[in-house]
PDB file of N, CA and C in Angstrom:
ATOM      1  N   UNK A   1     -11.761  19.787 -25.566  1.00  0.00           N
ATOM      2  CA  UNK A   1     -10.756  19.031 -24.825  1.00  0.00           C
ATOM      3  C   UNK A   1     -10.060  19.980 -23.853  1.00  0.00           C
ATOM      4  N   UNK A   2     -10.016  19.613 -22.612  1.00  0.00           N
ATOM      5  CA  UNK A   2      -9.434  20.458 -21.571  1.00  0.00           C
ATOM      6  C   UNK A   2      -7.919  20.262 -21.501  1.00  0.00           C
ATOM      7  N   UNK A   3      -7.249  21.323 -21.122  1.00  0.00           N
ATOM      8  CA  UNK A   3      -5.798  21.287 -20.965  1.00  0.00           C
ATOM      9  C   UNK A   3      -5.466  20.764 -19.573  1.00  0.00           C
ATOM     10  N   UNK A   4      -4.596  19.768 -19.514  1.00  0.00           N
ATOM     11  CA  UNK A   4      -4.216  19.188 -18.230  1.00  0.00           C
ATOM     12  C   UNK A   4      -2.730  19.449 -17.978  1.00  0.00           C
ATOM     13  N   UNK A   5      -2.422  20.350 -17.051  1.00  0.00           N
ATOM     14  CA  UNK A   5      -1.011  20.635 -16.752  1.00  0.00           C
ATOM     15  C   UNK A   5      -0.252  19.393 -16.269  1.00  0.00           C
ATOM     16  N   UNK A   6      -0.904  18.548 -15.510  1.00  0.00           N
ATOM     17  CA  UNK A   6      -0.249  17.337 -15.010  1.00  0.00           C
ATOM     18  C   UNK A   6       0.144  16.417 -16.160  1.00  0.00           C
ATOM     19  N   UNK A   7      -0.788  16.214 -17.098  1.00  0.00           N
ATOM     20  CA  UNK A   7      -0.501  15.351 -18.254  1.00  0.00           C
ATOM     21  C   UNK A   7       0.597  15.971 -19.112  1.00  0.00           C
ATOM     22  N   UNK A   8       0.550  17.293 -19.275  1.00  0.00           N
ATOM     23  CA  UNK A   8       1.569  17.984 -20.055  1.00  0.00           C
ATOM     24  C   UNK A   8       2.957  17.757 -19.446  1.00  0.00           C
ATOM     25  N   UNK A   9       3.069  17.906 -18.122  1.00  0.00           N
ATOM     26  CA  UNK A   9       4.357  17.691 -17.459  1.00  0.00           C
ATOM     27  C   UNK A   9       4.832  16.250 -17.581  1.00  0.00           C
ATOM     28  N   UNK A  10       3.906  15.309 -17.551  1.00  0.00           N
ATOM     29  CA  UNK A  10       4.274  13.899 -17.744  1.00  0.00           C
ATOM     30  C   UNK A  10       4.850  13.690 -19.145  1.00  0.00           C
ATOM     31  N   UNK A  11       4.218  14.299 -20.150  1.00  0.00           N
ATOM     32  CA  UNK A  11       4.694  14.161 -21.525  1.00  0.00           C
ATOM     33  C   UNK A  11       6.055  14.832 -21.709  1.00  0.00           C
ATOM     34  N   UNK A  12       6.226  15.975 -21.093  1.00  0.00           N
ATOM     35  CA  UNK A  12       7.524  16.669 -21.166  1.00  0.00           C
ATOM     36  C   UNK A  12       8.602  15.793 -20.550  1.00  0.00           C
ATOM     37  N   UNK A  13       8.317  15.226 -19.395  1.00  0.00           N
ATOM     38  CA  UNK A  13       9.287  14.354 -18.728  1.00  0.00           C
ATOM     39  C   UNK A  13       9.602  13.128 -19.581  1.00  0.00           C
ATOM     40  N   UNK A  14       8.598  12.583 -20.220  1.00  0.00           N
ATOM     41  CA  UNK A  14       8.789  11.421 -21.087  1.00  0.00           C
ATOM     42  C   UNK A  14       9.681  11.769 -22.279  1.00  0.00           C
ATOM     43  N   UNK A  15       9.426  12.912 -22.898  1.00  0.00           N
ATOM     44  CA  UNK A  15      10.234  13.337 -24.050  1.00  0.00           C
ATOM     45  C   UNK A  15      11.662  13.679 -23.633  1.00  0.00           C
ATOM     46  N   UNK A  16      11.813  14.290 -22.474  1.00  0.00           N
ATOM     47  CA  UNK A  16      13.142  14.651 -21.984  1.00  0.00           C
ATOM     48  C   UNK A  16      13.986  13.403 -21.746  1.00  0.00           C
ATOM     49  N   UNK A  17      13.358  12.327 -21.328  1.00  0.00           N
ATOM     50  CA  UNK A  17      14.080  11.079 -21.085  1.00  0.00           C
ATOM     51  C   UNK A  17      14.628  10.488 -22.376  1.00  0.00           C
ATOM     52  N   UNK A  18      14.050  10.833 -23.513  1.00  0.00           N
ATOM     53  CA  UNK A  18      14.494  10.304 -24.807  1.00  0.00           C
ATOM     54  C   UNK A  18      15.700  11.059 -25.366  1.00  0.00           C
ATOM     55  N   UNK A  19      15.991  12.232 -24.811  1.00  0.00           N
ATOM     56  CA  UNK A  19      17.068  13.064 -25.331  1.00  0.00           C
ATOM     57  C   UNK A  19      18.416  12.455 -24.978  1.00  0.00           C
ATOM     58  N   UNK A  20      19.338  12.458 -25.948  1.00  0.00           N
ATOM     59  CA  UNK A  20      20.704  12.028 -25.693  1.00  0.00           C
ATOM     60  C   UNK A  20      21.512  13.261 -25.333  1.00  0.00           C
ATOM     61  N   UNK A  21      21.863  13.395 -24.068  1.00  0.00           N
ATOM     62  CA  UNK A  21      22.568  14.574 -23.592  1.00  0.00           C
ATOM     63  C   UNK A  21      24.054  14.420 -23.854  1.00  0.00           C
ATOM     64  N   UNK A  22      24.736  15.525 -24.238  1.00  0.00           N
ATOM     65  CA  UNK A  22      26.180  15.429 -24.492  1.00  0.00           C
ATOM     66  C   UNK A  22      26.964  15.238 -23.190  1.00  0.00           C
ATOM     67  N   UNK A  23      28.120  14.598 -23.339  1.00  0.00           N
ATOM     68  CA  UNK A  23      28.985  14.421 -22.175  1.00  0.00           C
ATOM     69  C   UNK A  23      29.724  15.731 -21.893  1.00  0.00           C
ATOM     70  N   UNK A  24      30.355  15.801 -20.743  1.00  0.00           N
ATOM     71  CA  UNK A  24      31.129  16.993 -20.385  1.00  0.00           C
ATOM     72  C   UNK A  24      32.251  17.217 -21.404  1.00  0.00           C
ATOM     73  N   UNK A  25      32.888  16.134 -21.845  1.00  0.00           N
ATOM     74  CA  UNK A  25      33.982  16.239 -22.821  1.00  0.00           C
ATOM     75  C   UNK A  25      33.468  16.801 -24.152  1.00  0.00           C
ATOM     76  N   UNK A  26      32.330  16.294 -24.624  1.00  0.00           N
ATOM     77  CA  UNK A  26      31.745  16.799 -25.879  1.00  0.00           C
ATOM     78  C   UNK A  26      31.380  18.274 -25.763  1.00  0.00           C
ATOM     79  N   UNK A  27      30.832  18.664 -24.632  1.00  0.00           N
ATOM     80  CA  UNK A  27      30.459  20.058 -24.415  1.00  0.00           C
ATOM     81  C   UNK A  27      31.696  20.953 -24.396  1.00  0.00           C
ATOM     82  N   UNK A  28      32.757  20.500 -23.737  1.00  0.00           N
ATOM     83  CA  UNK A  28      33.999  21.271 -23.675  1.00  0.00           C
ATOM     84  C   UNK A  28      34.616  21.429 -25.062  1.00  0.00           C
ATOM     85  N   UNK A  29      34.687  20.351 -25.814  1.00  0.00           N
ATOM     86  CA  UNK A  29      35.270  20.406 -27.153  1.00  0.00           C
ATOM     87  C   UNK A  29      34.447  21.327 -28.059  1.00  0.00           C
ATOM     88  N   UNK A  30      33.140  21.216 -27.989  1.00  0.00           N
ATOM     89  CA  UNK A  30      32.273  22.068 -28.808  1.00  0.00           C
ATOM     90  C   UNK A  30      32.437  23.531 -28.436  1.00  0.00           C
ATOM     91  N   UNK A  31      32.548  23.820 -27.145  1.00  0.00           N
ATOM     92  CA  UNK A  31      32.734  25.202 -26.694  1.00  0.00           C
ATOM     93  C   UNK A  31      34.057  25.759 -27.207  1.00  0.00           C
ATOM     94  N   UNK A  32      35.112  24.978 -27.117  1.00  0.00           N
ATOM     95  CA  UNK A  32      36.419  25.414 -27.619  1.00  0.00           C
ATOM     96  C   UNK A  32      36.350  25.661 -29.121  1.00  0.00           C
ATOM     97  N   UNK A  33      35.677  24.774 -29.851  1.00  0.00           N
ATOM     98  CA  UNK A  33      35.537  24.953 -31.304  1.00  0.00           C
ATOM     99  C   UNK A  33      34.805  26.248 -31.630  1.00  0.00           C
ATOM    100  N   UNK A  34      33.782  26.567 -30.862  1.00  0.00           N
ATOM    101  CA  UNK A  34      33.033  27.807 -31.087  1.00  0.00           C
ATOM    102  C   UNK A  34      33.940  29.009 -30.880  1.00  0.00           C
ATOM    103  N   UNK A  35      34.718  29.016 -29.792  1.00  0.00           N
ATOM    104  CA  UNK A  35      35.626  30.136 -29.535  1.00  0.00           C
ATOM    105  C   UNK A  35      36.675  30.283 -30.633  1.00  0.00           C
ATOM    106  N   UNK A  36      37.215  29.168 -31.109  1.00  0.00           N
ATOM    107  CA  UNK A  36      38.208  29.209 -32.189  1.00  0.00           C
ATOM    108  C   UNK A  36      37.579  29.771 -33.462  1.00  0.00           C
ATOM    109  N   UNK A  37      36.381  29.317 -33.805  1.00  0.00           N
ATOM    110  CA  UNK A  37      35.722  29.805 -35.014  1.00  0.00           C
ATOM    111  C   UNK A  37      35.382  31.286 -34.901  1.00  0.00           C
ATOM    112  N   UNK A  38      34.976  31.737 -33.719  1.00  0.00           N
ATOM    113  CA  UNK A  38      34.690  33.163 -33.505  1.00  0.00           C
ATOM    114  C   UNK A  38      35.962  33.975 -33.679  1.00  0.00           C
ATOM    115  N   UNK A  39      37.076  33.486 -33.140  1.00  0.00           N
ATOM    116  CA  UNK A  39      38.354  34.194 -33.282  1.00  0.00           C
ATOM    117  C   UNK A  39      38.767  34.266 -34.749  1.00  0.00           C
ATOM    118  N   UNK A  40      38.652  33.153 -35.474  1.00  0.00           N
ATOM    119  CA  UNK A  40      39.014  33.142 -36.896  1.00  0.00           C
ATOM    120  C   UNK A  40      38.115  34.065 -37.711  1.00  0.00           C
ATOM    121  N   UNK A  41      36.822  34.050 -37.436  1.00  0.00           N
ATOM    122  CA  UNK A  41      35.901  34.930 -38.150  1.00  0.00           C
ATOM    123  C   UNK A  41      36.212  36.394 -37.845  1.00  0.00           C
ATOM    124  N   UNK A  42      36.558  36.688 -36.597  1.00  0.00           N
ATOM    125  CA  UNK A  42      36.905  38.065 -36.220  1.00  0.00           C
ATOM    126  C   UNK A  42      38.140  38.540 -36.973  1.00  0.00           C
ATOM    127  N   UNK A  43      39.157  37.696 -37.044  1.00  0.00           N
ATOM    128  CA  UNK A  43      40.377  38.050 -37.780  1.00  0.00           C
ATOM    129  C   UNK A  43      40.073  38.239 -39.259  1.00  0.00           C
ATOM    130  N   UNK A  44      39.287  37.332 -39.827  1.00  0.00           N
ATOM    131  CA  UNK A  44      38.936  37.437 -41.243  1.00  0.00           C
ATOM    132  C   UNK A  44      38.217  38.750 -41.542  1.00  0.00           C
ATOM    133  N   UNK A  45      37.207  39.081 -40.749  1.00  0.00           N
ATOM    134  CA  UNK A  45      36.446  40.305 -41.010  1.00  0.00           C
ATOM    135  C   UNK A  45      37.269  41.561 -40.722  1.00  0.00           C
ATOM    136  N   UNK A  46      38.156  41.501 -39.738  1.00  0.00           N
ATOM    137  CA  UNK A  46      39.036  42.629 -39.475  1.00  0.00           C
ATOM    138  C   UNK A  46      39.942  42.888 -40.676  1.00  0.00           C
ATOM    139  N   UNK A  47      40.563  41.823 -41.192  1.00  0.00           N
ATOM    140  CA  UNK A  47      41.454  41.973 -42.345  1.00  0.00           C
ATOM    141  C   UNK A  47      40.684  42.397 -43.594  1.00  0.00           C
ATOM    142  N   UNK A  48      39.511  41.836 -43.800  1.00  0.00           N
ATOM    143  CA  UNK A  48      38.679  42.232 -44.939  1.00  0.00           C
ATOM    144  C   UNK A  48      38.325  43.709 -44.855  1.00  0.00           C
ATOM    145  N   UNK A  49      37.947  44.171 -43.685  1.00  0.00           N
ATOM    146  CA  UNK A  49      37.600  45.575 -43.490  1.00  0.00           C
ATOM    147  C   UNK A  49      38.803  46.470 -43.744  1.00  0.00           C
ATOM    148  N   UNK A  50      39.972  46.049 -43.287  1.00  0.00           N
ATOM    149  CA  UNK A  50      41.197  46.811 -43.479  1.00  0.00           C
ATOM    150  C   UNK A  50      41.524  46.955 -44.964  1.00  0.00           C
ATOM    151  N   UNK A  51      41.445  45.846 -45.690  1.00  0.00           N
ATOM    152  CA  UNK A  51      41.744  45.857 -47.129  1.00  0.00           C
ATOM    153  C   UNK A  51      40.744  46.722 -47.880  1.00  0.00           C
ATOM    154  N   UNK A  52      39.464  46.561 -47.586  1.00  0.00           N
ATOM    155  CA  UNK A  52      38.433  47.363 -48.266  1.00  0.00           C
ATOM    156  C   UNK A  52      38.640  48.845 -47.975  1.00  0.00           C
ATOM    157  N   UNK A  53      38.998  49.166 -46.727  1.00  0.00           N
ATOM    158  CA  UNK A  53      39.234  50.570 -46.371  1.00  0.00           C
ATOM    159  C   UNK A  53      40.395  51.151 -47.175  1.00  0.00           C
ATOM    160  N   UNK A  54      41.498  50.398 -47.293  1.00  0.00           N
ATOM    161  CA  UNK A  54      42.642  50.887 -48.062  1.00  0.00           C
ATOM    162  C   UNK A  54      42.287  51.057 -49.541  1.00  0.00           C
ATOM    163  N   UNK A  55      41.551  50.117 -50.104  1.00  0.00           N
ATOM    164  CA  UNK A  55      41.160  50.202 -51.522  1.00  0.00           C
ATOM    165  C   UNK A  55      40.262  51.417 -51.753  1.00  0.00           C
ATOM    166  N   UNK A  56      39.266  51.601 -50.924  1.00  0.00           N
ATOM    167  CA  UNK A  56      38.354  52.730 -51.085  1.00  0.00           C
ATOM    168  C   UNK A  56      39.102  54.053 -50.889  1.00  0.00           C
ATOM    169  N   UNK A  57      39.971  54.110 -49.891  1.00  0.00           N
ATOM    170  CA  UNK A  57      40.761  55.321 -49.651  1.00  0.00           C
ATOM    171  C   UNK A  57      41.635  55.620 -50.865  1.00  0.00           C
ATOM    172  N   UNK A  58      42.260  54.610 -51.432  1.00  0.00           N
ATOM    173  CA  UNK A  58      43.120  54.802 -52.608  1.00  0.00           C
ATOM    174  C   UNK A  58      42.293  55.268 -53.809  1.00  0.00           C
ATOM    175  N   UNK A  59      41.149  54.630 -54.050  1.00  0.00           N
ATOM    176  CA  UNK A  59      40.326  54.981 -55.213  1.00  0.00           C
ATOM    177  C   UNK A  59      39.735  56.388 -55.105  1.00  0.00           C
ATOM    178  N   UNK A  60      39.389  56.786 -53.896  1.00  0.00           N
ATOM    179  CA  UNK A  60      38.787  58.108 -53.728  1.00  0.00           C
ATOM    180  C   UNK A  60      39.837  59.205 -53.500  1.00  0.00           C
ATOM    181  N   UNK A  61      41.071  58.804 -53.290  1.00  0.00           N
ATOM    182  CA  UNK A  61      42.139  59.769 -53.076  1.00  0.00           C
ATOM    183  C   UNK A  61      42.020  60.498 -51.765  1.00  0.00           C
ATOM    184  N   UNK A  62      41.361  59.919 -50.794  1.00  0.00           N
ATOM    185  CA  UNK A  62      41.200  60.538 -49.486  1.00  0.00           C
ATOM    186  C   UNK A  62      42.406  60.162 -48.632  1.00  0.00           C
ATOM    187  N   UNK A  63      42.946  61.148 -47.907  1.00  0.00           N
ATOM    188  CA  UNK A  63      44.112  60.865 -47.072  1.00  0.00           C
ATOM    189  C   UNK A  63      43.733  60.858 -45.640  1.00  0.00           C
TER     190      UNK A  63
END
């Protein structure tokens, strides 16, 4: 069976037409949510690292 680029592009176009694309509002809200979650995760890992560092420093007696 031979590969037909024209048929392939037709199928891609057909499948793309079936996709439900998000609205601008949905995209904006999702982007904001991602930034908020990244900020919260950054704060969490920063504080976790700080606490672990203090505990290890205390246990090892390193100043």
